[in-house]
């Protein structure tokens, strides 16, 4: 039986819509202590058989203690299988804690973990959720040199349910600050098979982060599938950041 695309999409992008935006690959850097991030975002993935994503989802991050952020995503999901009615409704809720346990120096990268829990709040019978609680256990690294930043890593998804498989994710991003308020980057990521019917997949994205002001930002990315399922994916977000003054 074909797996609804939004279920696959939510797994593929679960770490994308955390601190890694506009990319799927994440980084180890948490929100500063007592600072906030709020995203109003949409993600979309298209193939010849299906289309789905979020329109929109809300993401909230908060620096709760030093080197640690709380994270939640609440999505309005949609799934549009070819030849079938479009389904729209609340999707699976994501909760997580990002912790940076090693800071960056001239000689070493910064390292962090970002465990996530996907709660089955979406209606899986309509393709709007996975129907099971999923857990993601990643390790992320980042190194900056001048205007260049490289980050990446990967992790393991615990993905219960009939016909499902636990699976691995790995990704890498290279990003450059081309203007004081504009950064551009490129990403490649790979996922192993998630179920008996969804095989391994490799994809790429080009993206940008545009700072409109100190506290408002636009983020966007798009790219094709390189192997596995054909198609493309996109992400766009408006981000607000704020916190106590220095």
Protein backbone atom coordinates (compact mmCIF):
# COMPACT_ATOMS: atom_id res chain seq x y z
CA UNK A 1 0.00 0.00 0.00
CA UNK A 2 1.33 3.42 -0.93
CA UNK A 3 2.39 5.43 2.06
CA UNK A 4 0.81 8.95 2.17
CA UNK A 5 3.39 11.54 1.12
CA UNK A 6 2.90 13.82 4.11
CA UNK A 7 3.99 11.02 6.44
CA UNK A 8 7.20 10.62 4.44
CA UNK A 9 7.57 14.40 4.17
CA UNK A 10 7.15 14.96 7.90
CA UNK A 11 9.93 12.47 8.57
CA UNK A 12 12.24 13.98 5.97
CA UNK A 13 11.70 17.56 7.13
CA UNK A 14 11.32 17.09 10.87
CA UNK A 15 14.84 18.32 11.52
CA UNK A 16 14.65 20.82 8.62
CA UNK A 17 12.14 23.02 10.36
CA UNK A 18 14.17 23.25 13.51
CA UNK A 19 17.36 25.34 13.74
CA UNK A 20 18.52 24.15 10.32
CA UNK A 21 16.07 26.25 8.25
CA UNK A 22 16.02 26.76 5.39
CA UNK A 23 17.73 23.37 5.04
CA UNK A 24 16.79 19.83 6.05
CA UNK A 25 20.20 19.31 7.66
CA UNK A 26 20.47 20.85 11.11
CA UNK A 27 23.25 22.55 13.07
CA UNK A 28 24.34 22.26 16.75
CA UNK A 29 23.82 25.91 17.69
CA UNK A 30 20.94 26.50 20.16
CA UNK A 31 18.97 29.70 20.64
CA UNK A 32 20.70 32.01 23.13
CA UNK A 33 19.54 31.94 26.74
CA UNK A 34 16.13 33.63 27.20
CA UNK A 35 15.94 34.41 23.48
CA UNK A 36 13.12 33.40 21.15
CA UNK A 37 12.61 32.30 17.54
CA UNK A 38 9.19 32.14 15.87
CA UNK A 39 8.69 30.87 12.32
CA UNK A 40 5.61 31.01 10.11
CA UNK A 41 6.63 28.58 7.39
CA UNK A 42 5.50 26.25 4.62
CA UNK A 43 7.16 23.17 3.19
CA UNK A 44 6.16 21.29 0.05
CA UNK A 45 7.25 18.13 -1.68
CA UNK A 46 6.03 17.00 -5.09
CA UNK A 47 6.32 13.78 -7.06
CA UNK A 48 4.43 12.20 -9.95
CA UNK A 49 2.31 10.21 -7.48
CA UNK A 50 1.66 12.66 -4.71
CA UNK A 51 2.16 16.11 -3.22
CA UNK A 52 2.06 17.23 0.36
CA UNK A 53 3.46 19.41 3.06
CA UNK A 54 2.46 22.12 5.51
CA UNK A 55 0.54 25.32 4.80
CA UNK A 56 1.52 26.72 7.18
CA UNK A 57 3.33 25.37 10.20
CA UNK A 58 4.36 27.34 13.26
CA UNK A 59 7.74 26.69 14.87
CA UNK A 60 8.80 28.07 18.25
CA UNK A 61 12.25 27.86 19.86
CA UNK A 62 13.32 29.23 23.24
CA UNK A 63 16.66 29.23 25.08
CA UNK A 64 15.54 27.72 28.38
CA UNK A 65 18.95 27.22 30.03
CA UNK A 66 22.53 27.89 28.84
CA UNK A 67 23.40 25.92 25.69
CA UNK A 68 19.88 24.39 25.53
CA UNK A 69 16.75 25.30 23.59
CA UNK A 70 13.18 24.04 23.75
CA UNK A 71 11.53 23.39 20.38
CA UNK A 72 7.97 22.78 19.15
CA UNK A 73 6.33 22.63 15.71
CA UNK A 74 2.55 22.73 15.17
CA UNK A 75 1.64 22.05 11.51
CA UNK A 76 -1.41 22.44 9.32
CA UNK A 77 -0.76 19.51 6.98
CA UNK A 78 -2.05 18.63 3.54
CA UNK A 79 -1.79 15.52 1.36
CA UNK A 80 -2.85 15.43 -2.30
CA UNK A 81 -2.48 11.95 -3.84
CA UNK A 82 -2.76 11.79 -7.63
CA UNK A 83 -6.37 11.05 -8.60
CA UNK A 84 -7.72 11.38 -5.04
CA UNK A 85 -9.24 14.22 -3.01
CA UNK A 86 -6.91 16.58 -1.21
CA UNK A 87 -6.79 16.14 2.56
CA UNK A 88 -6.08 19.00 4.98
CA UNK A 89 -5.90 19.07 8.78
CA UNK A 90 -3.68 19.25 11.80
CA UNK A 91 -0.52 17.12 11.43
CA UNK A 92 1.92 15.47 13.83
CA UNK A 93 3.33 17.68 16.60
CA UNK A 94 7.11 17.87 17.04
CA UNK A 95 8.85 18.44 20.39
CA UNK A 96 12.59 18.59 21.03
CA UNK A 97 15.54 19.85 23.06
CA UNK A 98 18.77 21.00 21.43
CA UNK A 99 21.89 20.85 23.60
CA UNK A 100 25.37 22.03 22.55
CA UNK A 101 27.90 20.09 24.64
CA UNK A 102 31.09 21.31 22.94
CA UNK A 103 31.85 24.86 21.87
CA UNK A 104 33.72 25.85 18.72
CA UNK A 105 37.38 26.91 18.81
CA UNK A 106 40.00 27.65 16.15
CA UNK A 107 40.95 23.97 16.16
CA UNK A 108 37.65 22.13 16.58
CA UNK A 109 33.98 22.34 15.55
CA UNK A 110 31.07 22.83 17.89
CA UNK A 111 28.99 19.71 18.61
CA UNK A 112 25.42 19.23 19.77
CA UNK A 113 22.52 16.81 20.00
CA UNK A 114 18.88 17.51 19.16
CA UNK A 115 16.56 14.62 20.09
CA UNK A 116 13.05 15.02 18.66
CA UNK A 117 9.74 13.30 19.36
CA UNK A 118 7.01 13.25 16.71
CA UNK A 119 3.63 12.89 18.44
CA UNK A 120 0.89 11.20 16.36
CA UNK A 121 -1.61 14.06 16.54
CA UNK A 122 -2.40 13.95 12.79
CA UNK A 123 -5.03 11.67 11.23
CA UNK A 124 -3.00 8.88 9.63
CA UNK A 125 -6.07 7.49 7.82
CA UNK A 126 -6.19 10.73 5.81
CA UNK A 127 -2.42 10.88 5.18
CA UNK A 128 -1.90 13.69 7.69
CA UNK A 129 0.26 11.85 10.21
CA UNK A 130 2.31 8.75 10.85
CA UNK A 131 -0.05 7.10 13.34
CA UNK A 132 2.80 6.23 15.70
CA UNK A 133 5.17 8.12 17.98
CA UNK A 134 8.57 8.51 16.30
CA UNK A 135 11.90 9.47 17.88
CA UNK A 136 14.91 11.04 16.16
CA UNK A 137 18.39 10.90 17.73
CA UNK A 138 20.90 13.08 15.79
CA UNK A 139 24.42 14.45 16.30
CA UNK A 140 25.34 17.75 14.63
CA UNK A 141 28.66 19.56 14.05
CA UNK A 142 29.54 23.04 12.75
CA UNK A 143 32.71 24.96 11.86
CA UNK A 144 33.02 28.59 10.71
CA UNK A 145 35.97 30.17 8.92
CA UNK A 146 35.59 33.80 7.90
CA UNK A 147 32.48 34.14 5.74
CA UNK A 148 32.13 30.36 5.30
CA UNK A 149 30.17 28.02 7.57
CA UNK A 150 29.95 24.24 7.20
CA UNK A 151 27.60 22.10 9.27
CA UNK A 152 26.09 18.65 9.14
CA UNK A 153 25.83 15.24 10.72
CA UNK A 154 22.99 12.80 10.99
CA UNK A 155 21.10 10.43 13.17
CA UNK A 156 18.75 7.52 13.62
CA UNK A 157 14.95 7.50 13.37
CA UNK A 158 12.94 5.08 15.52
CA UNK A 159 9.92 4.52 13.30
CA UNK A 160 7.45 1.92 14.64
CA UNK A 161 4.41 0.59 12.85
CA UNK A 162 3.46 -2.21 10.48
CA UNK A 163 5.57 -2.10 7.33
CA UNK A 164 7.81 0.67 8.71
CA UNK A 165 11.56 0.54 9.19
CA UNK A 166 13.90 2.41 11.51
CA UNK A 167 16.14 4.51 9.27
CA UNK A 168 19.26 6.70 9.08
CA UNK A 169 19.66 10.30 7.95
CA UNK A 170 22.86 12.18 6.98
CA UNK A 171 23.35 15.64 5.51
CA UNK A 172 25.83 18.45 4.96
CA UNK A 173 25.54 22.20 4.25
CA UNK A 174 28.08 24.72 2.96
CA UNK A 175 27.02 28.35 3.48
CA UNK A 176 28.61 31.73 2.72
CA UNK A 177 27.80 35.22 3.99
CA UNK A 178 27.76 37.09 0.66
CA UNK A 179 26.36 40.37 2.05
CA UNK A 180 26.04 41.67 5.60
CA UNK A 181 22.34 40.69 5.55
CA UNK A 182 22.38 37.77 3.09
CA UNK A 183 23.74 34.22 3.38
CA UNK A 184 23.43 31.58 0.64
CA UNK A 185 24.16 27.88 0.84
CA UNK A 186 23.89 24.43 -0.70
CA UNK A 187 22.91 21.11 0.86
CA UNK A 188 22.99 17.39 0.09
CA UNK A 189 21.20 14.85 2.31
CA UNK A 190 20.48 11.14 2.22
CA UNK A 191 17.90 8.91 3.93
CA UNK A 192 17.80 5.13 4.06
CA UNK A 193 14.56 3.21 3.50
CA UNK A 194 11.75 4.27 5.86
CA UNK A 195 9.31 1.45 5.12
CA UNK A 196 8.80 -1.60 2.94
CA UNK A 197 7.37 0.68 0.21
CA UNK A 198 9.62 3.77 0.57
CA UNK A 199 13.24 3.18 -0.44
CA UNK A 200 16.41 5.23 0.13
CA UNK A 201 16.47 8.78 -1.14
CA UNK A 202 19.12 11.44 -1.88
CA UNK A 203 18.23 15.10 -2.41
CA UNK A 204 19.81 18.54 -2.76
CA UNK A 205 18.79 22.12 -2.00
CA UNK A 206 19.96 25.68 -2.63
CA UNK A 207 18.87 28.18 0.01
CA UNK A 208 19.20 31.68 1.43
CA UNK A 209 18.70 33.60 4.65
CA UNK A 210 17.85 37.28 4.19
CA UNK A 211 17.89 39.55 7.25
CA UNK A 212 15.26 42.26 6.80
CA UNK A 213 16.17 43.74 10.18
CA UNK A 214 17.77 42.64 13.43
CA UNK A 215 14.63 40.74 14.38
CA UNK A 216 12.93 39.75 11.10
CA UNK A 217 14.21 37.36 8.46
CA UNK A 218 13.13 35.51 5.31
CA UNK A 219 14.41 31.97 4.68
CA UNK A 220 13.89 29.87 1.55
CA UNK A 221 15.26 26.76 -0.17
CA UNK A 222 14.40 24.49 -3.08
CA UNK A 223 15.94 21.52 -4.84
CA UNK A 224 15.48 18.27 -6.75
CA UNK A 225 15.69 14.62 -5.93
CA UNK A 226 19.03 13.11 -7.00
CA UNK A 227 18.13 9.45 -6.51
CA UNK A 228 15.17 7.50 -5.24
CA UNK A 229 11.77 9.18 -5.55
CA UNK A 230 11.65 11.73 -8.39
CA UNK A 231 10.40 15.23 -7.72
CA UNK A 232 11.40 18.33 -5.80
CA UNK A 233 10.96 20.04 -2.45
CA UNK A 234 10.64 23.67 -1.31
CA UNK A 235 10.68 25.57 1.98
CA UNK A 236 9.87 29.22 2.77
CA UNK A 237 9.54 30.99 6.12
CA UNK A 238 9.20 34.35 7.81
CA UNK A 239 11.15 34.35 11.07
CA UNK A 240 11.00 36.65 14.09
CA UNK A 241 13.82 36.67 16.67
CA UNK A 242 13.93 38.57 19.95
CA UNK A 243 15.24 38.45 23.49
CA UNK A 244 16.57 40.53 26.39
CA UNK A 245 18.89 43.38 25.46
CA UNK A 246 22.59 43.29 26.19
